[in-house]
N, C-alpha and C. Protein backbone atom coordinates (compact mmCIF):
# COMPACT_ATOMS: atom_id res chain seq x y z
N MET A 1 126.94 13.92 11.20
CA MET A 1 127.86 12.89 11.60
C MET A 1 127.51 12.43 13.01
N VAL A 2 127.41 11.13 13.18
CA VAL A 2 127.16 10.53 14.49
C VAL A 2 128.46 9.87 14.95
N VAL A 3 128.97 10.31 16.09
CA VAL A 3 130.19 9.76 16.66
C VAL A 3 129.79 9.09 17.99
N GLU A 4 129.73 7.76 17.95
CA GLU A 4 129.20 6.99 19.07
C GLU A 4 129.86 5.62 19.07
N ASP A 5 130.39 5.21 20.23
CA ASP A 5 131.06 3.92 20.29
C ASP A 5 130.10 2.74 20.45
N ASN A 6 128.89 2.97 20.95
CA ASN A 6 127.92 1.89 21.11
C ASN A 6 127.28 1.59 19.75
N PRO A 7 127.53 0.39 19.20
CA PRO A 7 127.02 0.09 17.86
C PRO A 7 125.50 0.11 17.76
N ASP A 8 124.80 -0.25 18.82
CA ASP A 8 123.34 -0.23 18.79
C ASP A 8 122.81 1.20 18.70
N ILE A 9 123.35 2.08 19.52
CA ILE A 9 122.92 3.48 19.49
C ILE A 9 123.29 4.11 18.14
N ARG A 10 124.50 3.82 17.68
CA ARG A 10 124.95 4.36 16.39
C ARG A 10 124.01 3.94 15.27
N GLU A 11 123.62 2.67 15.26
CA GLU A 11 122.74 2.16 14.21
C GLU A 11 121.34 2.76 14.31
N VAL A 12 120.80 2.87 15.51
CA VAL A 12 119.47 3.46 15.69
C VAL A 12 119.47 4.91 15.21
N LEU A 13 120.50 5.66 15.58
CA LEU A 13 120.57 7.06 15.15
C LEU A 13 120.70 7.16 13.64
N GLN A 14 121.52 6.32 13.05
CA GLN A 14 121.67 6.36 11.60
C GLN A 14 120.34 6.04 10.91
N LEU A 15 119.65 5.02 11.36
CA LEU A 15 118.36 4.66 10.76
C LEU A 15 117.32 5.76 10.98
N ALA A 16 117.27 6.32 12.17
CA ALA A 16 116.27 7.33 12.48
C ALA A 16 116.49 8.63 11.71
N LEU A 17 117.74 8.94 11.42
CA LEU A 17 118.06 10.22 10.77
C LEU A 17 118.22 10.13 9.26
N SER A 18 118.44 8.92 8.75
CA SER A 18 118.78 8.78 7.33
C SER A 18 117.62 9.08 6.39
N ASP A 19 116.38 9.13 6.89
CA ASP A 19 115.28 9.49 6.00
C ASP A 19 115.28 10.99 5.69
N ARG A 20 115.93 11.81 6.52
CA ARG A 20 115.98 13.26 6.30
C ARG A 20 117.38 13.79 6.01
N TYR A 21 118.39 13.03 6.42
CA TYR A 21 119.77 13.53 6.32
C TYR A 21 120.70 12.45 5.77
N SER A 22 121.78 12.91 5.21
CA SER A 22 122.87 12.00 4.85
C SER A 22 123.71 11.83 6.12
N VAL A 23 123.80 10.60 6.61
CA VAL A 23 124.42 10.35 7.92
C VAL A 23 125.73 9.58 7.74
N THR A 24 126.79 10.15 8.28
CA THR A 24 128.08 9.49 8.37
C THR A 24 128.26 9.09 9.82
N THR A 25 128.85 7.92 10.06
CA THR A 25 129.06 7.48 11.43
C THR A 25 130.53 7.18 11.70
N ALA A 26 130.89 7.32 12.95
CA ALA A 26 132.23 6.97 13.41
C ALA A 26 132.09 6.30 14.77
N CYS A 27 132.92 5.30 15.02
CA CYS A 27 132.79 4.54 16.28
C CYS A 27 133.69 5.09 17.39
N ASN A 28 134.50 6.08 17.09
CA ASN A 28 135.30 6.74 18.12
C ASN A 28 135.77 8.09 17.59
N GLY A 29 136.37 8.86 18.47
CA GLY A 29 136.78 10.20 18.09
C GLY A 29 137.85 10.25 17.01
N GLN A 30 138.78 9.32 17.05
CA GLN A 30 139.83 9.32 16.04
C GLN A 30 139.26 9.04 14.65
N GLU A 31 138.33 8.09 14.58
CA GLU A 31 137.69 7.79 13.29
C GLU A 31 136.93 9.02 12.78
N ALA A 32 136.29 9.76 13.67
CA ALA A 32 135.58 10.97 13.26
C ALA A 32 136.55 11.99 12.67
N LEU A 33 137.67 12.22 13.34
CA LEU A 33 138.66 13.17 12.82
C LEU A 33 139.23 12.71 11.49
N ASP A 34 139.47 11.41 11.35
CA ASP A 34 139.96 10.87 10.08
C ASP A 34 138.95 11.13 8.96
N LEU A 35 137.66 10.96 9.25
CA LEU A 35 136.62 11.23 8.26
C LEU A 35 136.57 12.71 7.90
N LEU A 36 136.74 13.57 8.89
CA LEU A 36 136.75 15.00 8.62
C LEU A 36 137.91 15.40 7.71
N GLU A 37 139.03 14.71 7.83
CA GLU A 37 140.19 15.00 6.98
C GLU A 37 139.91 14.71 5.51
N THR A 38 139.03 13.75 5.24
CA THR A 38 138.82 13.30 3.86
C THR A 38 137.45 13.65 3.28
N HIS A 39 136.56 14.22 4.09
CA HIS A 39 135.21 14.56 3.63
C HIS A 39 134.88 16.01 3.98
N SER A 40 133.85 16.53 3.38
CA SER A 40 133.37 17.86 3.73
C SER A 40 132.85 17.85 5.17
N PRO A 41 132.99 18.95 5.87
CA PRO A 41 132.48 18.99 7.24
C PRO A 41 130.97 18.74 7.26
N PRO A 42 130.49 18.04 8.26
CA PRO A 42 129.05 17.80 8.35
C PRO A 42 128.33 19.08 8.79
N ASP A 43 127.03 19.12 8.54
CA ASP A 43 126.23 20.25 9.00
C ASP A 43 126.08 20.22 10.51
N VAL A 44 126.09 19.02 11.08
CA VAL A 44 125.93 18.84 12.53
C VAL A 44 126.72 17.60 12.94
N MET A 45 127.27 17.62 14.15
CA MET A 45 127.91 16.43 14.71
C MET A 45 127.22 16.08 16.02
N ILE A 46 126.82 14.82 16.14
CA ILE A 46 126.29 14.29 17.40
C ILE A 46 127.45 13.51 18.02
N LEU A 47 127.90 13.94 19.17
CA LEU A 47 129.15 13.45 19.75
C LEU A 47 128.94 12.85 21.12
N ASP A 48 129.26 11.57 21.23
CA ASP A 48 129.28 10.90 22.53
C ASP A 48 130.53 11.38 23.27
N MET A 49 130.46 11.45 24.58
CA MET A 49 131.61 11.92 25.34
C MET A 49 132.52 10.79 25.81
N MET A 50 131.95 9.66 26.16
CA MET A 50 132.74 8.56 26.71
C MET A 50 132.99 7.53 25.62
N MET A 51 134.17 7.61 25.00
CA MET A 51 134.54 6.69 23.92
C MET A 51 136.00 6.27 24.07
N PRO A 52 136.32 5.11 23.52
CA PRO A 52 137.73 4.70 23.50
C PRO A 52 138.48 5.43 22.39
N VAL A 53 139.76 5.28 22.38
CA VAL A 53 140.70 5.83 21.39
C VAL A 53 140.83 7.34 21.54
N LEU A 54 139.74 8.09 21.35
CA LEU A 54 139.75 9.54 21.50
C LEU A 54 138.36 9.93 22.01
N ASN A 55 138.27 10.45 23.22
CA ASN A 55 136.95 10.74 23.79
C ASN A 55 136.38 12.04 23.24
N GLY A 56 135.14 12.33 23.61
CA GLY A 56 134.44 13.49 23.08
C GLY A 56 135.11 14.81 23.42
N LEU A 57 135.62 14.94 24.62
CA LEU A 57 136.29 16.18 25.01
C LEU A 57 137.54 16.42 24.15
N GLU A 58 138.29 15.37 23.89
CA GLU A 58 139.48 15.49 23.03
C GLU A 58 139.08 15.87 21.61
N VAL A 59 137.98 15.32 21.13
CA VAL A 59 137.48 15.67 19.78
C VAL A 59 137.12 17.16 19.76
N LEU A 60 136.38 17.61 20.76
CA LEU A 60 136.00 19.03 20.82
C LEU A 60 137.21 19.94 20.82
N GLN A 61 138.23 19.58 21.58
CA GLN A 61 139.45 20.39 21.63
C GLN A 61 140.10 20.48 20.25
N ARG A 62 140.13 19.39 19.53
CA ARG A 62 140.74 19.40 18.19
C ARG A 62 139.87 20.14 17.18
N LEU A 63 138.56 20.03 17.32
CA LEU A 63 137.67 20.76 16.43
C LEU A 63 137.88 22.26 16.59
N ARG A 64 138.01 22.72 17.82
CA ARG A 64 138.14 24.15 18.10
C ARG A 64 139.44 24.74 17.53
N LYS A 65 140.45 23.90 17.34
CA LYS A 65 141.74 24.37 16.84
C LYS A 65 141.81 24.41 15.31
N HIS A 66 140.80 23.86 14.64
CA HIS A 66 140.79 23.77 13.18
C HIS A 66 139.82 24.80 12.62
N ALA A 67 140.29 25.68 11.76
CA ALA A 67 139.46 26.79 11.28
C ALA A 67 138.14 26.32 10.66
N LEU A 68 138.16 25.30 9.84
CA LEU A 68 136.95 24.84 9.17
C LEU A 68 136.05 24.03 10.09
N TRP A 69 136.64 23.23 10.94
CA TRP A 69 135.86 22.35 11.82
C TRP A 69 135.24 23.09 13.01
N ALA A 70 135.83 24.20 13.40
CA ALA A 70 135.36 24.94 14.57
C ALA A 70 133.93 25.44 14.39
N ARG A 71 133.47 25.55 13.15
CA ARG A 71 132.11 26.05 12.88
C ARG A 71 131.05 24.94 12.87
N ILE A 72 131.45 23.69 13.04
CA ILE A 72 130.49 22.59 13.05
C ILE A 72 129.67 22.65 14.35
N PRO A 73 128.34 22.75 14.24
CA PRO A 73 127.52 22.69 15.47
C PRO A 73 127.62 21.28 16.06
N VAL A 74 127.96 21.19 17.32
CA VAL A 74 128.13 19.90 17.98
C VAL A 74 127.03 19.73 19.03
N ILE A 75 126.36 18.58 18.96
CA ILE A 75 125.38 18.20 19.96
C ILE A 75 126.01 17.07 20.77
N VAL A 76 126.24 17.33 22.03
CA VAL A 76 126.85 16.33 22.91
C VAL A 76 125.76 15.40 23.42
N ALA A 77 126.01 14.10 23.32
CA ALA A 77 125.11 13.09 23.86
C ALA A 77 125.88 12.35 24.96
N THR A 78 125.35 12.40 26.16
CA THR A 78 126.07 11.80 27.27
C THR A 78 125.12 11.24 28.33
N ALA A 79 125.57 10.22 29.00
CA ALA A 79 124.81 9.66 30.12
C ALA A 79 125.18 10.36 31.43
N SER A 80 126.25 11.12 31.42
CA SER A 80 126.70 11.80 32.62
C SER A 80 125.72 12.90 33.03
N THR A 81 125.41 12.96 34.30
CA THR A 81 124.49 13.98 34.79
C THR A 81 125.22 15.20 35.33
N GLY A 82 126.52 15.11 35.47
CA GLY A 82 127.28 16.21 36.04
C GLY A 82 127.78 17.21 35.02
N LEU A 83 127.45 17.03 33.77
CA LEU A 83 127.94 17.92 32.72
C LEU A 83 126.88 18.93 32.33
N ARG A 84 127.34 20.12 31.92
CA ARG A 84 126.45 21.17 31.47
C ARG A 84 126.88 21.64 30.09
N LEU A 85 125.96 22.20 29.34
CA LEU A 85 126.27 22.71 28.01
C LEU A 85 127.44 23.69 28.07
N GLU A 86 127.47 24.51 29.09
CA GLU A 86 128.53 25.51 29.23
C GLU A 86 129.91 24.87 29.39
N ASP A 87 129.92 23.61 29.83
CA ASP A 87 131.20 22.92 30.00
C ASP A 87 131.89 22.66 28.67
N PHE A 88 131.13 22.67 27.60
CA PHE A 88 131.69 22.27 26.30
C PHE A 88 131.65 23.37 25.25
N GLY A 89 130.84 24.38 25.41
CA GLY A 89 130.72 25.39 24.37
C GLY A 89 130.14 24.80 23.10
N THR A 90 129.18 23.91 23.25
CA THR A 90 128.60 23.23 22.10
C THR A 90 127.20 23.76 21.83
N PHE A 91 126.62 23.30 20.73
CA PHE A 91 125.29 23.77 20.34
C PHE A 91 124.19 23.20 21.23
N GLY A 92 124.36 21.96 21.65
CA GLY A 92 123.31 21.33 22.44
C GLY A 92 123.86 20.20 23.29
N LEU A 93 123.07 19.81 24.27
CA LEU A 93 123.43 18.73 25.17
C LEU A 93 122.20 17.86 25.38
N LEU A 94 122.34 16.57 25.09
CA LEU A 94 121.27 15.61 25.31
C LEU A 94 121.75 14.57 26.31
N ARG A 95 120.92 14.32 27.29
CA ARG A 95 121.25 13.28 28.27
C ARG A 95 120.69 11.95 27.79
N LYS A 96 121.53 10.93 27.82
CA LYS A 96 121.09 9.59 27.44
C LYS A 96 120.35 8.97 28.61
N PRO A 97 119.29 8.25 28.37
CA PRO A 97 118.65 8.04 27.08
C PRO A 97 117.83 9.28 26.71
N PHE A 98 117.76 9.59 25.43
CA PHE A 98 117.01 10.75 24.97
C PHE A 98 115.97 10.33 23.95
N ALA A 99 114.97 11.16 23.79
CA ALA A 99 113.91 10.90 22.81
C ALA A 99 114.38 11.38 21.45
N LEU A 100 114.11 10.59 20.43
CA LEU A 100 114.54 10.95 19.07
C LEU A 100 113.93 12.25 18.60
N ASP A 101 112.70 12.55 19.02
CA ASP A 101 112.09 13.81 18.59
C ASP A 101 112.84 15.01 19.18
N ASN A 102 113.38 14.89 20.39
CA ASN A 102 114.21 15.96 20.95
C ASN A 102 115.48 16.15 20.13
N LEU A 103 116.07 15.05 19.73
CA LEU A 103 117.27 15.11 18.89
C LEU A 103 116.95 15.75 17.55
N GLN A 104 115.84 15.35 16.94
CA GLN A 104 115.43 15.92 15.64
C GLN A 104 115.29 17.44 15.74
N ARG A 105 114.63 17.91 16.78
CA ARG A 105 114.43 19.36 16.95
C ARG A 105 115.78 20.08 17.12
N LEU A 106 116.66 19.48 17.88
CA LEU A 106 117.98 20.08 18.09
C LEU A 106 118.78 20.12 16.79
N ILE A 107 118.70 19.06 16.01
CA ILE A 107 119.39 19.02 14.72
C ILE A 107 118.84 20.09 13.79
N GLU A 108 117.52 20.21 13.72
CA GLU A 108 116.92 21.23 12.86
C GLU A 108 117.38 22.62 13.26
N ARG A 109 117.43 22.91 14.55
CA ARG A 109 117.90 24.21 15.02
C ARG A 109 119.38 24.42 14.67
N ALA A 110 120.17 23.36 14.80
CA ALA A 110 121.60 23.47 14.49
C ALA A 110 121.83 23.72 13.01
N VAL A 111 121.07 23.04 12.15
CA VAL A 111 121.20 23.24 10.70
C VAL A 111 120.79 24.67 10.34
N GLU A 112 119.67 25.14 10.92
CA GLU A 112 119.24 26.52 10.67
C GLU A 112 120.29 27.51 11.13
N HIS A 113 120.87 27.24 12.29
CA HIS A 113 121.90 28.13 12.84
C HIS A 113 123.12 28.17 11.91
N ARG A 114 123.50 27.03 11.40
CA ARG A 114 124.71 26.97 10.55
C ARG A 114 124.47 27.64 9.20
N THR A 115 123.29 27.43 8.63
CA THR A 115 123.03 27.97 7.30
C THR A 115 122.46 29.38 7.34
N GLY A 116 121.96 29.79 8.52
CA GLY A 116 121.30 31.10 8.61
C GLY A 116 122.21 32.12 9.08
């Protein structure tokens, strides 16, 4: 699942990942949570931090409180330089702009971690 408010980034990620994965997208945190309510949890979530309606930190807080969602590996994608992986307790942190091959490697590790 790609949760990103920028439509260009969201589209690029969906196109880049759809040859290997089934990709669901959401344009804000609330839409992501709504999708989680009606669909199976994704193997990985790529989560932007700065979004309208419900930001990435609020999404993470809600994921952690839900028994099924708490196990979703989350890769945070952010332009902020002041954030660290330890700040979120997530699987990975990518600074925007990032290389797609770095994202691919992180996704592969997250999928292995979840299924292994």
